Amino acid sequence: MLTLKEKLYLLQLLKKEKRKRFWSFKKNDPVHQQLTEKLEQMIRNEQVNKAHL
């Protein structure tokens, strides 16, 4: 299980990679977008749940 800090770091890396690929005009892997969305959702859920716990 990843901590919130680790999830934020991974999300930051994914977004940085996306920017690099955009400027080099390489095609993004569809899994990249799915992982980004999943991580964003996990982070939102954890932040909301943290307030209730």
PDB file of N, CA and C in Angstrom:
ATOM      1  N   MET A   1       0.845  -1.172   0.000  1.00  0.00           N
ATOM      2  CA  MET A   1       0.000   0.000   0.000  1.00  0.00           C
ATOM      3  C   MET A   1       0.899   1.247   0.000  1.00  0.00           C
ATOM      4  N   LEU A   2       0.540   2.188  -0.804  1.00  0.00           N
ATOM      5  CA  LEU A   2       1.325   3.419  -0.912  1.00  0.00           C
ATOM      6  C   LEU A   2       0.779   4.495   0.022  1.00  0.00           C
ATOM      7  N   THR A   3       1.686   5.304   0.524  1.00  0.00           N
ATOM      8  CA  THR A   3       1.259   6.426   1.354  1.00  0.00           C
ATOM      9  C   THR A   3       0.819   7.580   0.460  1.00  0.00           C
ATOM     10  N   LEU A   4       0.168   8.550   1.061  1.00  0.00           N
ATOM     11  CA  LEU A   4      -0.287   9.720   0.311  1.00  0.00           C
ATOM     12  C   LEU A   4       0.900  10.438  -0.330  1.00  0.00           C
ATOM     13  N   LYS A   5       1.980  10.550   0.410  1.00  0.00           N
ATOM     14  CA  LYS A   5       3.183  11.234  -0.104  1.00  0.00           C
ATOM     15  C   LYS A   5       3.743  10.505  -1.335  1.00  0.00           C
ATOM     16  N   GLU A   6       3.749   9.194  -1.291  1.00  0.00           N
ATOM     17  CA  GLU A   6       4.244   8.398  -2.414  1.00  0.00           C
ATOM     18  C   GLU A   6       3.337   8.536  -3.628  1.00  0.00           C
ATOM     19  N   LYS A   7       2.028   8.551  -3.394  1.00  0.00           N
ATOM     20  CA  LYS A   7       1.075   8.713  -4.491  1.00  0.00           C
ATOM     21  C   LYS A   7       1.240  10.076  -5.159  1.00  0.00           C
ATOM     22  N   LEU A   8       1.405  11.107  -4.353  1.00  0.00           N
ATOM     23  CA  LEU A   8       1.607  12.452  -4.906  1.00  0.00           C
ATOM     24  C   LEU A   8       2.886  12.511  -5.742  1.00  0.00           C
ATOM     25  N   TYR A   9       3.927  11.855  -5.253  1.00  0.00           N
ATOM     26  CA  TYR A   9       5.194  11.824  -5.978  1.00  0.00           C
ATOM     27  C   TYR A   9       5.052  11.101  -7.318  1.00  0.00           C
ATOM     28  N   LEU A  10       4.372   9.963  -7.313  1.00  0.00           N
ATOM     29  CA  LEU A  10       4.162   9.216  -8.556  1.00  0.00           C
ATOM     30  C   LEU A  10       3.328  10.019  -9.552  1.00  0.00           C
ATOM     31  N   LEU A  11       2.318  10.705  -9.059  1.00  0.00           N
ATOM     32  CA  LEU A  11       1.493  11.537  -9.923  1.00  0.00           C
ATOM     33  C   LEU A  11       2.316  12.656 -10.543  1.00  0.00           C
ATOM     34  N   GLN A  12       3.180  13.245  -9.754  1.00  0.00           N
ATOM     35  CA  GLN A  12       4.067  14.302 -10.247  1.00  0.00           C
ATOM     36  C   GLN A  12       4.984  13.756 -11.348  1.00  0.00           C
ATOM     37  N   LEU A  13       5.525  12.569 -11.156  1.00  0.00           N
ATOM     38  CA  LEU A  13       6.392  11.958 -12.167  1.00  0.00           C
ATOM     39  C   LEU A  13       5.636  11.661 -13.452  1.00  0.00           C
ATOM     40  N   LEU A  14       4.420  11.156 -13.326  1.00  0.00           N
ATOM     41  CA  LEU A  14       3.613  10.858 -14.507  1.00  0.00           C
ATOM     42  C   LEU A  14       3.302  12.127 -15.301  1.00  0.00           C
ATOM     43  N   LYS A  15       2.982  13.190 -14.597  1.00  0.00           N
ATOM     44  CA  LYS A  15       2.668  14.443 -15.284  1.00  0.00           C
ATOM     45  C   LYS A  15       3.910  15.039 -15.941  1.00  0.00           C
ATOM     46  N   LYS A  16       5.057  14.889 -15.295  1.00  0.00           N
ATOM     47  CA  LYS A  16       6.304  15.379 -15.867  1.00  0.00           C
ATOM     48  C   LYS A  16       6.643  14.613 -17.150  1.00  0.00           C
ATOM     49  N   GLU A  17       6.432  13.297 -17.107  1.00  0.00           N
ATOM     50  CA  GLU A  17       6.686  12.453 -18.278  1.00  0.00           C
ATOM     51  C   GLU A  17       5.750  12.824 -19.429  1.00  0.00           C
ATOM     52  N   LYS A  18       4.510  13.142 -19.090  1.00  0.00           N
ATOM     53  CA  LYS A  18       3.544  13.531 -20.115  1.00  0.00           C
ATOM     54  C   LYS A  18       3.997  14.808 -20.814  1.00  0.00           C
ATOM     55  N   ARG A  19       4.504  15.763 -20.057  1.00  0.00           N
ATOM     56  CA  ARG A  19       5.006  17.004 -20.655  1.00  0.00           C
ATOM     57  C   ARG A  19       6.203  16.738 -21.565  1.00  0.00           C
ATOM     58  N   LYS A  20       7.091  15.864 -21.131  1.00  0.00           N
ATOM     59  CA  LYS A  20       8.261  15.525 -21.949  1.00  0.00           C
ATOM     60  C   LYS A  20       7.835  14.887 -23.270  1.00  0.00           C
ATOM     61  N   ARG A  21       6.884  13.981 -23.182  1.00  0.00           N
ATOM     62  CA  ARG A  21       6.416  13.298 -24.392  1.00  0.00           C
ATOM     63  C   ARG A  21       5.699  14.257 -25.334  1.00  0.00           C
ATOM     64  N   PHE A  22       4.987  15.229 -24.769  1.00  0.00           N
ATOM     65  CA  PHE A  22       4.271  16.187 -25.608  1.00  0.00           C
ATOM     66  C   PHE A  22       5.257  16.969 -26.469  1.00  0.00           C
ATOM     67  N   TRP A  23       6.335  17.430 -25.888  1.00  0.00           N
ATOM     68  CA  TRP A  23       7.294  18.248 -26.632  1.00  0.00           C
ATOM     69  C   TRP A  23       8.168  17.418 -27.565  1.00  0.00           C
ATOM     70  N   SER A  24       8.286  16.138 -27.312  1.00  0.00           N
ATOM     71  CA  SER A  24       9.066  15.295 -28.217  1.00  0.00           C
ATOM     72  C   SER A  24       8.163  14.613 -29.246  1.00  0.00           C
ATOM     73  N   PHE A  25       6.854  14.889 -29.159  1.00  0.00           N
ATOM     74  CA  PHE A  25       5.854  14.385 -30.108  1.00  0.00           C
ATOM     75  C   PHE A  25       5.812  12.863 -30.172  1.00  0.00           C
ATOM     76  N   LYS A  26       6.055  12.233 -29.026  1.00  0.00           N
ATOM     77  CA  LYS A  26       5.894  10.785 -28.940  1.00  0.00           C
ATOM     78  C   LYS A  26       4.470  10.482 -28.498  1.00  0.00           C
ATOM     79  N   LYS A  27       3.966   9.369 -28.965  1.00  0.00           N
ATOM     80  CA  LYS A  27       2.610   8.973 -28.610  1.00  0.00           C
ATOM     81  C   LYS A  27       2.578   8.453 -27.175  1.00  0.00           C
ATOM     82  N   ASN A  28       1.604   8.924 -26.408  1.00  0.00           N
ATOM     83  CA  ASN A  28       1.444   8.466 -25.035  1.00  0.00           C
ATOM     84  C   ASN A  28       0.811   7.086 -25.003  1.00  0.00           C
ATOM     85  N   ASP A  29       1.267   6.294 -24.065  1.00  0.00           N
ATOM     86  CA  ASP A  29       0.700   4.975 -23.836  1.00  0.00           C
ATOM     87  C   ASP A  29      -0.664   5.150 -23.160  1.00  0.00           C
ATOM     88  N   PRO A  30      -1.695   4.442 -23.600  1.00  0.00           N
ATOM     89  CA  PRO A  30      -3.024   4.593 -22.979  1.00  0.00           C
ATOM     90  C   PRO A  30      -3.017   4.277 -21.479  1.00  0.00           C
ATOM     91  N   VAL A  31      -2.131   3.406 -21.065  1.00  0.00           N
ATOM     92  CA  VAL A  31      -2.030   3.057 -19.652  1.00  0.00           C
ATOM     93  C   VAL A  31      -1.584   4.269 -18.835  1.00  0.00           C
ATOM     94  N   HIS A  32      -0.788   5.124 -19.444  1.00  0.00           N
ATOM     95  CA  HIS A  32      -0.294   6.330 -18.774  1.00  0.00           C
ATOM     96  C   HIS A  32      -1.472   7.195 -18.297  1.00  0.00           C
ATOM     97  N   GLN A  33      -2.427   7.428 -19.163  1.00  0.00           N
ATOM     98  CA  GLN A  33      -3.599   8.239 -18.815  1.00  0.00           C
ATOM     99  C   GLN A  33      -4.435   7.551 -17.748  1.00  0.00           C
ATOM    100  N   GLN A  34      -4.607   6.249 -17.871  1.00  0.00           N
ATOM    101  CA  GLN A  34      -5.392   5.497 -16.888  1.00  0.00           C
ATOM    102  C   GLN A  34      -4.747   5.557 -15.509  1.00  0.00           C
ATOM    103  N   LEU A  35      -3.433   5.400 -15.465  1.00  0.00           N
ATOM    104  CA  LEU A  35      -2.718   5.462 -14.192  1.00  0.00           C
ATOM    105  C   LEU A  35      -2.826   6.844 -13.561  1.00  0.00           C
ATOM    106  N   THR A  36      -2.717   7.878 -14.380  1.00  0.00           N
ATOM    107  CA  THR A  36      -2.831   9.239 -13.878  1.00  0.00           C
ATOM    108  C   THR A  36      -4.203   9.470 -13.262  1.00  0.00           C
ATOM    109  N   GLU A  37      -5.246   9.063 -13.961  1.00  0.00           N
ATOM    110  CA  GLU A  37      -6.604   9.235 -13.448  1.00  0.00           C
ATOM    111  C   GLU A  37      -6.825   8.435 -12.167  1.00  0.00           C
ATOM    112  N   LYS A  38      -6.319   7.214 -12.140  1.00  0.00           N
ATOM    113  CA  LYS A  38      -6.489   6.358 -10.974  1.00  0.00           C
ATOM    114  C   LYS A  38      -5.766   6.942  -9.752  1.00  0.00           C
ATOM    115  N   LEU A  39      -4.558   7.431  -9.968  1.00  0.00           N
ATOM    116  CA  LEU A  39      -3.805   8.039  -8.872  1.00  0.00           C
ATOM    117  C   LEU A  39      -4.490   9.297  -8.357  1.00  0.00           C
ATOM    118  N   GLU A  40      -4.996  10.121  -9.272  1.00  0.00           N
ATOM    119  CA  GLU A  40      -5.708  11.331  -8.859  1.00  0.00           C
ATOM    120  C   GLU A  40      -6.927  10.976  -8.017  1.00  0.00           C
ATOM    121  N   GLN A  41      -7.657   9.952  -8.416  1.00  0.00           N
ATOM    122  CA  GLN A  41      -8.835   9.519  -7.664  1.00  0.00           C
ATOM    123  C   GLN A  41      -8.447   8.982  -6.293  1.00  0.00           C
ATOM    124  N   MET A  42      -7.385   8.195  -6.243  1.00  0.00           N
ATOM    125  CA  MET A  42      -6.928   7.644  -4.972  1.00  0.00           C
ATOM    126  C   MET A  42      -6.518   8.755  -4.014  1.00  0.00           C
ATOM    127  N   ILE A  43      -5.837   9.766  -4.536  1.00  0.00           N
ATOM    128  CA  ILE A  43      -5.390  10.888  -3.712  1.00  0.00           C
ATOM    129  C   ILE A  43      -6.593  11.675  -3.191  1.00  0.00           C
ATOM    130  N   ARG A  44      -7.564  11.934  -4.077  1.00  0.00           N
ATOM    131  CA  ARG A  44      -8.768  12.652  -3.641  1.00  0.00           C
ATOM    132  C   ARG A  44      -9.499  11.873  -2.549  1.00  0.00           C
ATOM    133  N   ASN A  45      -9.663  10.567  -2.758  1.00  0.00           N
ATOM    134  CA  ASN A  45     -10.343   9.734  -1.762  1.00  0.00           C
ATOM    135  C   ASN A  45      -9.620   9.754  -0.420  1.00  0.00           C
ATOM    136  N   GLU A  46      -8.319   9.642  -0.463  1.00  0.00           N
ATOM    137  CA  GLU A  46      -7.552   9.619   0.775  1.00  0.00           C
ATOM    138  C   GLU A  46      -7.632  10.962   1.506  1.00  0.00           C
ATOM    139  N   GLN A  47      -7.607  12.053   0.769  1.00  0.00           N
ATOM    140  CA  GLN A  47      -7.685  13.369   1.398  1.00  0.00           C
ATOM    141  C   GLN A  47      -9.069  13.598   2.017  1.00  0.00           C
ATOM    142  N   VAL A  48     -10.118  13.160   1.321  1.00  0.00           N
ATOM    143  CA  VAL A  48     -11.471  13.306   1.868  1.00  0.00           C
ATOM    144  C   VAL A  48     -11.652  12.415   3.097  1.00  0.00           C
ATOM    145  N   ASN A  49     -11.217  11.184   2.997  1.00  0.00           N
ATOM    146  CA  ASN A  49     -11.372  10.242   4.109  1.00  0.00           C
ATOM    147  C   ASN A  49     -10.532  10.628   5.314  1.00  0.00           C
ATOM    148  N   LYS A  50      -9.411  11.269   5.073  1.00  0.00           N
ATOM    149  CA  LYS A  50      -8.526  11.674   6.174  1.00  0.00           C
ATOM    150  C   LYS A  50      -9.252  12.650   7.102  1.00  0.00           C
ATOM    151  N   ALA A  51     -10.070  13.510   6.556  1.00  0.00           N
ATOM    152  CA  ALA A  51     -10.815  14.479   7.357  1.00  0.00           C
ATOM    153  C   ALA A  51     -11.851  13.782   8.233  1.00  0.00           C
ATOM    154  N   HIS A  52     -12.374  12.638   7.797  1.00  0.00           N
ATOM    155  CA  HIS A  52     -13.417  11.925   8.537  1.00  0.00           C
ATOM    156  C   HIS A  52     -12.855  10.927   9.546  1.00  0.00           C
ATOM    157  N   LEU A  53     -11.585  10.627   9.433  1.00  0.00           N
ATOM    158  CA  LEU A  53     -11.009   9.615  10.354  1.00  0.00           C
ATOM    159  C   LEU A  53     -10.394  10.243  11.557  1.00  0.00           C
TER     160      LEU A  53
END
